[in-house]
Amino acid sequence: MNKLIPFTWVAVLLGVSACDVQVRDTTPAQYQANNDIGMYEVSATTQAGALVTPGSVFVFAIGDNQKVPLSLASDGSGWHGLYSVRCKSSFPLQILAVWRLQGLATRQKVEPPQPQMVKLIEPPLAAEAGFNTSGKPTEVKAPEGKGPKGKAARGRPRGEWQGSVEYRFQTVQVTQITAAHIEPASASAADVAAAKPISVVTPMPFQAACNEPAAVRLASSEQRAHGVLVIDTDDPDVPHWQTKVEFSPK
């Protein structure tokens, strides 16, 4: 009698397997964020048991109140679809499979039991920016000061060339650029001197809306100057960023 017990359990397990659909989420763990498209491919594979009605399997990507139907590849290798996300650093994902058994009711399952978080990585920001100083500089009134013997000295107009470095953040709704400054490209005397004429003229801090260009304005009192613009932000993926900047005639 005891010898029949293992065979009984084997029969039960085989019956369960024959009625089941194995589901595996094959979506990558991360993507580089791209809000111009705002769509990311999700994918899964399935393996149906013998008692599953042929052609009755349907697969969906679910999460964040979305239910996206996936399409089976022509060669049957897997299911694919596009999931819509914008201005987020990650999104939750599960795969829902629905199928029918031969002569029985519809069944379904969700894998994995807890959603996986697909990370969206902030794309690289501007690495270099150049500004043409061939034209005449903009006249800017120098600040008032004290002249000889304590007399007030009038500010004389001085020329400066201006330019803007644009940044675009894509993984948070609003990014705050908390500070910005210019550093020399190196510790050499020439690079230190070349960075001195450049200043940041955009008031800090300021906010940048998701996927909208955010401009940090610079000015140079010399026609030729170069340095590194360093910005600090409250974006955890990009707390600091460096952009090489150069003012020169073209």
C-alpha atoms as a PDB file:
ATOM      1  CA  MET A   1       0.000   0.000   0.000  1.00  0.00           C
ATOM      2  CA  ASN A   2       2.807   2.414   0.958  1.00  0.00           C
ATOM      3  CA  LYS A   3       4.455   1.817  -2.382  1.00  0.00           C
ATOM      4  CA  LEU A   4       1.446   3.415  -4.092  1.00  0.00           C
ATOM      5  CA  ILE A   5       1.795   6.714  -2.225  1.00  0.00           C
ATOM      6  CA  PRO A   6       4.835   8.064  -4.166  1.00  0.00           C
ATOM      7  CA  PHE A   7       3.157   7.177  -7.464  1.00  0.00           C
ATOM      8  CA  THR A   8      -0.020   8.957  -6.341  1.00  0.00           C
ATOM      9  CA  TRP A   9       1.928  12.148  -5.601  1.00  0.00           C
ATOM     10  CA  VAL A  10       3.733  11.894  -8.937  1.00  0.00           C
ATOM     11  CA  ALA A  11       0.395  11.630 -10.715  1.00  0.00           C
ATOM     12  CA  VAL A  12      -0.924  14.672  -8.832  1.00  0.00           C
ATOM     13  CA  LEU A  13       2.163  16.739  -9.644  1.00  0.00           C
ATOM     14  CA  LEU A  14       2.015  15.747 -13.296  1.00  0.00           C
ATOM     15  CA  GLY A  15      -1.642  16.753 -13.393  1.00  0.00           C
ATOM     16  CA  VAL A  16      -0.848  20.158 -11.874  1.00  0.00           C
ATOM     17  CA  SER A  17       2.013  20.686 -14.315  1.00  0.00           C
ATOM     18  CA  ALA A  18      -0.150  19.721 -17.281  1.00  0.00           C
ATOM     19  CA  CYS A  19      -2.705  22.362 -16.263  1.00  0.00           C
ATOM     20  CA  ASP A  20      -0.165  25.106 -15.658  1.00  0.00           C
ATOM     21  CA  VAL A  21       1.614  27.767 -17.726  1.00  0.00           C
ATOM     22  CA  GLN A  22       5.167  28.538 -16.700  1.00  0.00           C
ATOM     23  CA  VAL A  23       5.876  32.280 -16.923  1.00  0.00           C
ATOM     24  CA  ARG A  24       9.265  34.008 -16.924  1.00  0.00           C
ATOM     25  CA  ASP A  25       9.781  37.761 -17.046  1.00  0.00           C
ATOM     26  CA  THR A  26      12.676  38.541 -19.435  1.00  0.00           C
ATOM     27  CA  THR A  27      12.510  42.348 -19.248  1.00  0.00           C
ATOM     28  CA  PRO A  28      15.932  43.988 -18.678  1.00  0.00           C
ATOM     29  CA  ALA A  29      16.571  45.256 -15.143  1.00  0.00           C
ATOM     30  CA  GLN A  30      17.253  48.800 -16.378  1.00  0.00           C
ATOM     31  CA  TYR A  31      16.966  51.172 -19.318  1.00  0.00           C
ATOM     32  CA  GLN A  32      18.405  54.588 -20.080  1.00  0.00           C
ATOM     33  CA  ALA A  33      15.534  57.041 -19.727  1.00  0.00           C
ATOM     34  CA  ASN A  34      14.188  58.526 -22.954  1.00  0.00           C
ATOM     35  CA  ASN A  35      11.185  60.792 -22.509  1.00  0.00           C
ATOM     36  CA  ASP A  36      11.091  61.698 -26.205  1.00  0.00           C
ATOM     37  CA  ILE A  37       9.694  58.208 -26.746  1.00  0.00           C
ATOM     38  CA  GLY A  38       8.543  57.373 -23.227  1.00  0.00           C
ATOM     39  CA  MET A  39       8.101  53.678 -24.094  1.00  0.00           C
ATOM     40  CA  TYR A  40      10.151  50.717 -22.881  1.00  0.00           C
ATOM     41  CA  GLU A  41      10.063  47.145 -24.143  1.00  0.00           C
ATOM     42  CA  VAL A  42       8.841  44.513 -21.702  1.00  0.00           C
ATOM     43  CA  SER A  43       9.075  40.830 -22.485  1.00  0.00           C
ATOM     44  CA  ALA A  44       8.298  37.359 -21.148  1.00  0.00           C
ATOM     45  CA  THR A  45       8.345  33.703 -22.112  1.00  0.00           C
ATOM     46  CA  THR A  46       5.713  31.058 -21.402  1.00  0.00           C
ATOM     47  CA  GLN A  47       5.568  27.278 -21.495  1.00  0.00           C
ATOM     48  CA  ALA A  48       2.117  25.689 -21.506  1.00  0.00           C
ATOM     49  CA  GLY A  49       1.219  22.282 -20.032  1.00  0.00           C
ATOM     50  CA  ALA A  50      -0.398  19.490 -22.034  1.00  0.00           C
ATOM     51  CA  LEU A  51      -3.940  20.245 -20.855  1.00  0.00           C
ATOM     52  CA  VAL A  52      -3.781  23.959 -21.747  1.00  0.00           C
ATOM     53  CA  THR A  53      -6.003  24.705 -24.757  1.00  0.00           C
ATOM     54  CA  PRO A  54      -3.742  25.564 -27.719  1.00  0.00           C
ATOM     55  CA  GLY A  55      -3.854  29.256 -28.600  1.00  0.00           C
ATOM     56  CA  SER A  56      -5.667  30.184 -25.398  1.00  0.00           C
ATOM     57  CA  VAL A  57      -2.725  31.832 -23.625  1.00  0.00           C
ATOM     58  CA  PHE A  58      -2.748  35.634 -23.293  1.00  0.00           C
ATOM     59  CA  VAL A  59       0.011  37.636 -21.587  1.00  0.00           C
ATOM     60  CA  PHE A  60      -0.043  41.157 -20.120  1.00  0.00           C
ATOM     61  CA  ALA A  61       2.445  43.499 -18.411  1.00  0.00           C
ATOM     62  CA  ILE A  62       0.876  45.068 -15.332  1.00  0.00           C
ATOM     63  CA  GLY A  63       1.915  47.773 -12.860  1.00  0.00           C
ATOM     64  CA  ASP A  64       1.168  51.419 -11.976  1.00  0.00           C
ATOM     65  CA  ASN A  65      -2.478  50.914 -13.013  1.00  0.00           C
ATOM     66  CA  GLN A  66      -1.397  49.788 -16.472  1.00  0.00           C
ATOM     67  CA  LYS A  67      -2.333  46.554 -18.198  1.00  0.00           C
ATOM     68  CA  VAL A  68      -0.407  46.247 -21.459  1.00  0.00           C
ATOM     69  CA  PRO A  69      -1.155  43.294 -23.770  1.00  0.00           C
ATOM     70  CA  LEU A  70       1.958  41.537 -25.052  1.00  0.00           C
ATOM     71  CA  SER A  71       2.227  40.011 -28.525  1.00  0.00           C
ATOM     72  CA  LEU A  72       3.714  36.614 -29.249  1.00  0.00           C
ATOM     73  CA  ALA A  73       6.697  36.664 -31.595  1.00  0.00           C
ATOM     74  CA  SER A  74       6.097  35.022 -34.969  1.00  0.00           C
ATOM     75  CA  ASP A  75       8.530  32.226 -34.097  1.00  0.00           C
ATOM     76  CA  GLY A  76       6.848  31.668 -30.712  1.00  0.00           C
ATOM     77  CA  SER A  77      10.040  32.559 -28.840  1.00  0.00           C
ATOM     78  CA  GLY A  78       8.505  35.091 -26.478  1.00  0.00           C
ATOM     79  CA  TRP A  79       6.029  37.857 -25.738  1.00  0.00           C
ATOM     80  CA  HIS A  80       6.790  41.547 -26.267  1.00  0.00           C
ATOM     81  CA  GLY A  81       5.130  44.908 -25.701  1.00  0.00           C
ATOM     82  CA  LEU A  82       5.790  48.585 -24.942  1.00  0.00           C
ATOM     83  CA  TYR A  83       5.229  50.033 -21.479  1.00  0.00           C
ATOM     84  CA  SER A  84       4.621  53.786 -21.127  1.00  0.00           C
ATOM     85  CA  VAL A  85       6.625  55.670 -18.458  1.00  0.00           C
ATOM     86  CA  ARG A  86       7.759  59.291 -18.217  1.00  0.00           C
ATOM     87  CA  CYS A  87       9.646  61.330 -15.630  1.00  0.00           C
ATOM     88  CA  LYS A  88      10.250  58.450 -13.221  1.00  0.00           C
ATOM     89  CA  SER A  89      13.422  56.758 -12.003  1.00  0.00           C
ATOM     90  CA  SER A  90      11.841  53.274 -12.025  1.00  0.00           C
ATOM     91  CA  PHE A  91       8.587  51.457 -12.622  1.00  0.00           C
ATOM     92  CA  PRO A  92       7.057  48.292 -11.074  1.00  0.00           C
ATOM     93  CA  LEU A  93       6.428  45.345 -13.382  1.00  0.00           C
ATOM     94  CA  GLN A  94       4.682  41.980 -13.210  1.00  0.00           C
ATOM     95  CA  ILE A  95       3.627  39.557 -15.936  1.00  0.00           C
ATOM     96  CA  LEU A  96       0.035  38.288 -15.986  1.00  0.00           C
ATOM     97  CA  ALA A  97      -0.742  35.110 -17.941  1.00  0.00           C
ATOM     98  CA  VAL A  98      -4.332  33.987 -18.622  1.00  0.00           C
ATOM     99  CA  TRP A  99      -5.258  30.648 -20.229  1.00  0.00           C
ATOM    100  CA  ARG A 100      -7.989  28.002 -20.632  1.00  0.00           C
ATOM    101  CA  LEU A 101      -7.879  24.340 -19.829  1.00  0.00           C
ATOM    102  CA  GLN A 102      -9.450  21.779 -22.147  1.00  0.00           C
ATOM    103  CA  GLY A 103     -13.082  21.546 -21.043  1.00  0.00           C
ATOM    104  CA  LEU A 104     -12.406  23.471 -17.816  1.00  0.00           C
ATOM    105  CA  ALA A 105     -12.431  27.024 -16.506  1.00  0.00           C
ATOM    106  CA  THR A 106     -10.021  29.848 -17.242  1.00  0.00           C
ATOM    107  CA  ARG A 107      -6.924  30.156 -15.069  1.00  0.00           C
ATOM    108  CA  GLN A 108      -4.359  32.874 -14.516  1.00  0.00           C
ATOM    109  CA  LYS A 109      -1.133  33.626 -12.646  1.00  0.00           C
ATOM    110  CA  VAL A 110       1.121  36.607 -11.968  1.00  0.00           C
ATOM    111  CA  GLU A 111       4.917  36.423 -11.947  1.00  0.00           C
ATOM    112  CA  PRO A 112       6.928  37.361 -10.020  1.00  0.00           C
ATOM    113  CA  PRO A 113       4.743  37.401  -6.872  1.00  0.00           C
ATOM    114  CA  GLN A 114       6.186  40.824  -5.968  1.00  0.00           C
ATOM    115  CA  PRO A 115       6.765  43.417  -8.710  1.00  0.00           C
ATOM    116  CA  GLN A 116      10.292  43.859  -9.966  1.00  0.00           C
ATOM    117  CA  MET A 117      11.440  47.475 -10.197  1.00  0.00           C
ATOM    118  CA  VAL A 118      12.850  48.328 -13.611  1.00  0.00           C
ATOM    119  CA  LYS A 119      15.318  51.199 -13.164  1.00  0.00           C
ATOM    120  CA  LEU A 120      15.454  54.150 -15.542  1.00  0.00           C
ATOM    121  CA  ILE A 121      18.888  55.750 -15.661  1.00  0.00           C
ATOM    122  CA  GLU A 122      19.387  59.481 -16.174  1.00  0.00           C
ATOM    123  CA  PRO A 123      21.065  60.001 -19.584  1.00  0.00           C
ATOM    124  CA  PRO A 124      24.426  61.805 -19.628  1.00  0.00           C
ATOM    125  CA  LEU A 125      24.093  65.582 -19.450  1.00  0.00           C
ATOM    126  CA  ALA A 126      25.996  68.086 -21.593  1.00  0.00           C
ATOM    127  CA  ALA A 127      29.699  67.186 -21.544  1.00  0.00           C
ATOM    128  CA  GLU A 128      31.018  70.160 -23.555  1.00  0.00           C
ATOM    129  CA  ALA A 129      29.770  73.567 -24.662  1.00  0.00           C
ATOM    130  CA  GLY A 130      31.402  76.177 -26.864  1.00  0.00           C
ATOM    131  CA  PHE A 131      30.505  79.845 -27.356  1.00  0.00           C
ATOM    132  CA  ASN A 132      31.410  81.987 -30.357  1.00  0.00           C
ATOM    133  CA  THR A 133      33.007  85.305 -29.365  1.00  0.00           C
ATOM    134  CA  SER A 134      33.537  86.647 -32.892  1.00  0.00           C
ATOM    135  CA  GLY A 135      30.900  89.319 -32.422  1.00  0.00           C
ATOM    136  CA  LYS A 136      30.996  92.375 -30.220  1.00  0.00           C
ATOM    137  CA  PRO A 137      30.652  91.767 -26.493  1.00  0.00           C
ATOM    138  CA  THR A 138      27.555  92.825 -24.622  1.00  0.00           C
ATOM    139  CA  GLU A 139      28.040  96.008 -22.664  1.00  0.00           C
ATOM    140  CA  VAL A 140      27.491  95.552 -18.968  1.00  0.00           C
ATOM    141  CA  LYS A 141      27.675  98.399 -16.472  1.00  0.00           C
ATOM    142  CA  ALA A 142      30.419  97.826 -13.938  1.00  0.00           C
ATOM    143  CA  PRO A 143      29.380  98.034 -10.278  1.00  0.00           C
ATOM    144  CA  GLU A 144      29.689 101.377  -8.503  1.00  0.00           C
ATOM    145  CA  GLY A 145      32.739 101.809  -6.326  1.00  0.00           C
ATOM    146  CA  LYS A 146      34.811 104.363  -4.438  1.00  0.00           C
ATOM    147  CA  GLY A 147      37.430 106.345  -6.289  1.00  0.00           C
ATOM    148  CA  PRO A 148      40.414 108.293  -4.977  1.00  0.00           C
ATOM    149  CA  LYS A 149      39.866 110.219  -1.749  1.00  0.00           C
ATOM    150  CA  GLY A 150      36.619 108.364  -1.127  1.00  0.00           C
ATOM    151  CA  LYS A 151      34.728 109.955  -4.006  1.00  0.00           C
ATOM    152  CA  ALA A 152      32.069 107.832  -5.690  1.00  0.00           C
ATOM    153  CA  ALA A 153      33.326 106.409  -8.954  1.00  0.00           C
ATOM    154  CA  ARG A 154      30.867 105.825 -11.767  1.00  0.00           C
ATOM    155  CA  GLY A 155      30.707 102.312 -13.138  1.00  0.00           C
ATOM    156  CA  ARG A 156      32.179 102.187 -16.611  1.00  0.00           C
ATOM    157  CA  PRO A 157      30.629  99.915 -19.226  1.00  0.00           C
ATOM    158  CA  ARG A 158      32.613  96.775 -19.803  1.00  0.00           C
ATOM    159  CA  GLY A 159      32.178  94.084 -22.426  1.00  0.00           C
ATOM    160  CA  GLU A 160      31.449  90.424 -21.859  1.00  0.00           C
ATOM    161  CA  TRP A 161      30.494  87.505 -24.033  1.00  0.00           C
ATOM    162  CA  GLN A 162      27.600  85.337 -22.915  1.00  0.00           C
ATOM    163  CA  GLY A 163      26.433  81.797 -23.500  1.00  0.00           C
ATOM    164  CA  SER A 164      24.141  79.155 -21.978  1.00  0.00           C
ATOM    165  CA  VAL A 165      24.697  75.489 -21.151  1.00  0.00           C
ATOM    166  CA  GLU A 166      21.459  73.516 -21.440  1.00  0.00           C
ATOM    167  CA  TYR A 167      20.649  70.508 -19.287  1.00  0.00           C
ATOM    168  CA  ARG A 168      17.633  68.196 -19.504  1.00  0.00           C
ATOM    169  CA  PHE A 169      16.669  65.897 -16.632  1.00  0.00           C
ATOM    170  CA  GLN A 170      14.386  62.935 -17.343  1.00  0.00           C
ATOM    171  CA  THR A 171      13.873  60.731 -14.273  1.00  0.00           C
ATOM    172  CA  VAL A 172      12.217  63.099 -11.768  1.00  0.00           C
ATOM    173  CA  GLN A 173       9.303  65.519 -12.101  1.00  0.00           C
ATOM    174  CA  VAL A 174      11.324  68.537 -10.939  1.00  0.00           C
ATOM    175  CA  THR A 175      15.084  68.863 -10.440  1.00  0.00           C
ATOM    176  CA  GLN A 176      16.601  71.715  -8.470  1.00  0.00           C
ATOM    177  CA  ILE A 177      20.014  72.969  -9.555  1.00  0.00           C
ATOM    178  CA  THR A 178      21.215  74.113  -6.180  1.00  0.00           C
ATOM    179  CA  ALA A 179      24.567  75.671  -7.107  1.00  0.00           C
ATOM    180  CA  ALA A 180      26.981  76.231  -9.989  1.00  0.00           C
ATOM    181  CA  HIS A 181      30.550  77.472 -10.283  1.00  0.00           C
ATOM    182  CA  ILE A 182      33.536  77.520 -12.631  1.00  0.00           C
ATOM    183  CA  GLU A 183      36.718  75.536 -11.991  1.00  0.00           C
ATOM    184  CA  PRO A 184      39.976  75.474 -13.999  1.00  0.00           C
ATOM    185  CA  ALA A 185      40.377  72.609 -16.444  1.00  0.00           C
ATOM    186  CA  SER A 186      43.580  71.673 -14.604  1.00  0.00           C
ATOM    187  CA  ALA A 187      45.916  72.988 -11.932  1.00  0.00           C
ATOM    188  CA  SER A 188      48.279  74.514 -14.511  1.00  0.00           C
ATOM    189  CA  ALA A 189      48.798  78.259 -14.353  1.00  0.00           C
ATOM    190  CA  ALA A 190      47.493  78.655 -17.918  1.00  0.00           C
ATOM    191  CA  ASP A 191      44.211  76.847 -17.182  1.00  0.00           C
ATOM    192  CA  VAL A 192      43.752  78.717 -13.892  1.00  0.00           C
ATOM    193  CA  ALA A 193      44.179  82.031 -15.726  1.00  0.00           C
ATOM    194  CA  ALA A 194      41.859  80.931 -18.568  1.00  0.00           C
ATOM    195  CA  ALA A 195      39.018  80.150 -16.119  1.00  0.00           C
ATOM    196  CA  LYS A 196      39.134  83.441 -14.190  1.00  0.00           C
ATOM    197  CA  PRO A 197      37.215  85.566 -16.763  1.00  0.00           C
ATOM    198  CA  ILE A 198      34.210  83.164 -16.702  1.00  0.00           C
ATOM    199  CA  SER A 199      31.359  83.622 -14.260  1.00  0.00           C
ATOM    200  CA  VAL A 200      27.919  82.055 -13.669  1.00  0.00           C
ATOM    201  CA  VAL A 201      25.202  84.690 -14.074  1.00  0.00           C
ATOM    202  CA  THR A 202      22.098  82.541 -13.531  1.00  0.00           C
ATOM    203  CA  PRO A 203      20.728  83.073 -10.005  1.00  0.00           C
ATOM    204  CA  MET A 204      20.858  79.946  -7.862  1.00  0.00           C
ATOM    205  CA  PRO A 205      19.017  77.812  -6.964  1.00  0.00           C
ATOM    206  CA  PHE A 206      16.477  77.287  -9.735  1.00  0.00           C
ATOM    207  CA  GLN A 207      14.159  74.487 -10.784  1.00  0.00           C
ATOM    208  CA  ALA A 208      14.163  72.428 -13.975  1.00  0.00           C
ATOM    209  CA  ALA A 209      10.957  70.691 -15.047  1.00  0.00           C
ATOM    210  CA  CYS A 210      11.241  67.124 -16.327  1.00  0.00           C
ATOM    211  CA  ASN A 211      12.359  66.884 -19.960  1.00  0.00           C
ATOM    212  CA  GLU A 212      12.448  70.673 -20.365  1.00  0.00           C
ATOM    213  CA  PRO A 213      15.739  72.447 -21.234  1.00  0.00           C
ATOM    214  CA  ALA A 214      17.245  74.187 -18.213  1.00  0.00           C
ATOM    215  CA  ALA A 215      19.850  76.815 -19.105  1.00  0.00           C
ATOM    216  CA  VAL A 216      22.756  77.876 -16.909  1.00  0.00           C
ATOM    217  CA  ARG A 217      23.969  81.225 -18.296  1.00  0.00           C
ATOM    218  CA  LEU A 218      27.673  82.098 -18.320  1.00  0.00           C
ATOM    219  CA  ALA A 219      29.623  85.263 -19.109  1.00  0.00           C
ATOM    220  CA  SER A 220      33.266  85.842 -19.982  1.00  0.00           C
ATOM    221  CA  SER A 221      35.060  89.170 -19.731  1.00  0.00           C
ATOM    222  CA  GLU A 222      37.736  87.880 -22.127  1.00  0.00           C
ATOM    223  CA  GLN A 223      37.279  86.840 -25.758  1.00  0.00           C
ATOM    224  CA  ARG A 224      39.204  83.649 -25.095  1.00  0.00           C
ATOM    225  CA  ALA A 225      38.550  81.671 -21.940  1.00  0.00           C
ATOM    226  CA  HIS A 226      37.872  78.103 -20.897  1.00  0.00           C
ATOM    227  CA  GLY A 227      37.094  76.115 -17.783  1.00  0.00           C
ATOM    228  CA  VAL A 228      34.745  73.566 -16.241  1.00  0.00           C
ATOM    229  CA  LEU A 229      31.183  74.376 -15.209  1.00  0.00           C
ATOM    230  CA  VAL A 230      30.254  72.328 -12.132  1.00  0.00           C
ATOM    231  CA  ILE A 231      26.596  72.070 -11.133  1.00  0.00           C
ATOM    232  CA  ASP A 232      25.092  70.563  -7.983  1.00  0.00           C
ATOM    233  CA  THR A 233      21.542  69.157  -8.050  1.00  0.00           C
ATOM    234  CA  ASP A 234      19.073  67.372  -5.787  1.00  0.00           C
ATOM    235  CA  ASP A 235      18.716  64.557  -8.350  1.00  0.00           C
ATOM    236  CA  PRO A 236      20.135  61.457  -6.575  1.00  0.00           C
ATOM    237  CA  ASP A 237      21.315  60.042  -9.913  1.00  0.00           C
ATOM    238  CA  VAL A 238      23.185  63.240 -10.843  1.00  0.00           C
ATOM    239  CA  PRO A 239      24.168  65.057  -7.636  1.00  0.00           C
ATOM    240  CA  HIS A 240      27.071  66.737  -9.486  1.00  0.00           C
ATOM    241  CA  TRP A 241      27.935  67.243 -13.144  1.00  0.00           C
ATOM    242  CA  GLN A 242      30.876  68.784 -14.982  1.00  0.00           C
ATOM    243  CA  THR A 243      30.731  70.447 -18.394  1.00  0.00           C
ATOM    244  CA  LYS A 244      33.797  71.732 -20.238  1.00  0.00           C
ATOM    245  CA  VAL A 245      33.103  75.249 -21.516  1.00  0.00           C
ATOM    246  CA  GLU A 246      35.094  77.385 -23.957  1.00  0.00           C
ATOM    247  CA  PHE A 247      34.722  80.953 -25.172  1.00  0.00           C
ATOM    248  CA  SER A 248      36.608  81.590 -28.428  1.00  0.00           C
ATOM    249  CA  PRO A 249      36.141  83.338 -31.793  1.00  0.00           C
ATOM    250  CA  LYS A 250      35.089  81.068 -34.648  1.00  0.00           C
END
